[in-house]
Amino acid sequence: MITQGFLIKQLSIVLLSAVKFLFAAPISYLFGFSYFHTLLNTSAGGLLGVLFFFFVSRVLIRVYLNNFPLYFRAFEQITGIHFPAKRTVNISSKKKRMLIKLRNRFGYPGIIILTPVLLSIPVGTFIAAKYYSGRPNLLVMLSLSVVGWSVVLTSITAFI
């Protein structure tokens, strides 16, 4: 018999897998789920997270690229301040520097492999959608990475 508490636990594991994939398998075992159930929940949640954040990222990037120049020109007209056409990029935070180093060092395969574990699904999917959206199998590769890491993390957590 499925209880309300069981459904809440299962839904929380799926949602956690969509956002913070690394912590989902240990918490699933703490809730008392079996290996197969943990594998199913973390895979489903990770895949739903990749799909959601991939399409949201594409929409946000498209809206930003289409509308930002209009806002920028309007700001120049209102204030009378003219900005040079080419601006330098200021990388001010350690996190931004780390992401750019990661992208430059590992490229497409590194982003795909490290997205579920190191970068988190929302951040990694956004980076992949921004820089590698022209790749034909980007969504498939992100999905395979999530399922692969789900097997690895669920197996490691099961034997600890």
Foldseek 3Di string as FASTA:
>chain_A
DDDPVNVVQLVVLLQCLLFQVLCSLLVCVVVPDDLVSSLVSNLNSNLVSLVVLLVVLLVVVVCCVVCVVVVVVVVCVVVVDDDDPDDDDDDDDPVSVVVVCQCVPVNPVSLLQCDSHPVTNNRSSNVCNVPPVVDPCSSVSNSVNSSVVSNVSSVVSVVD
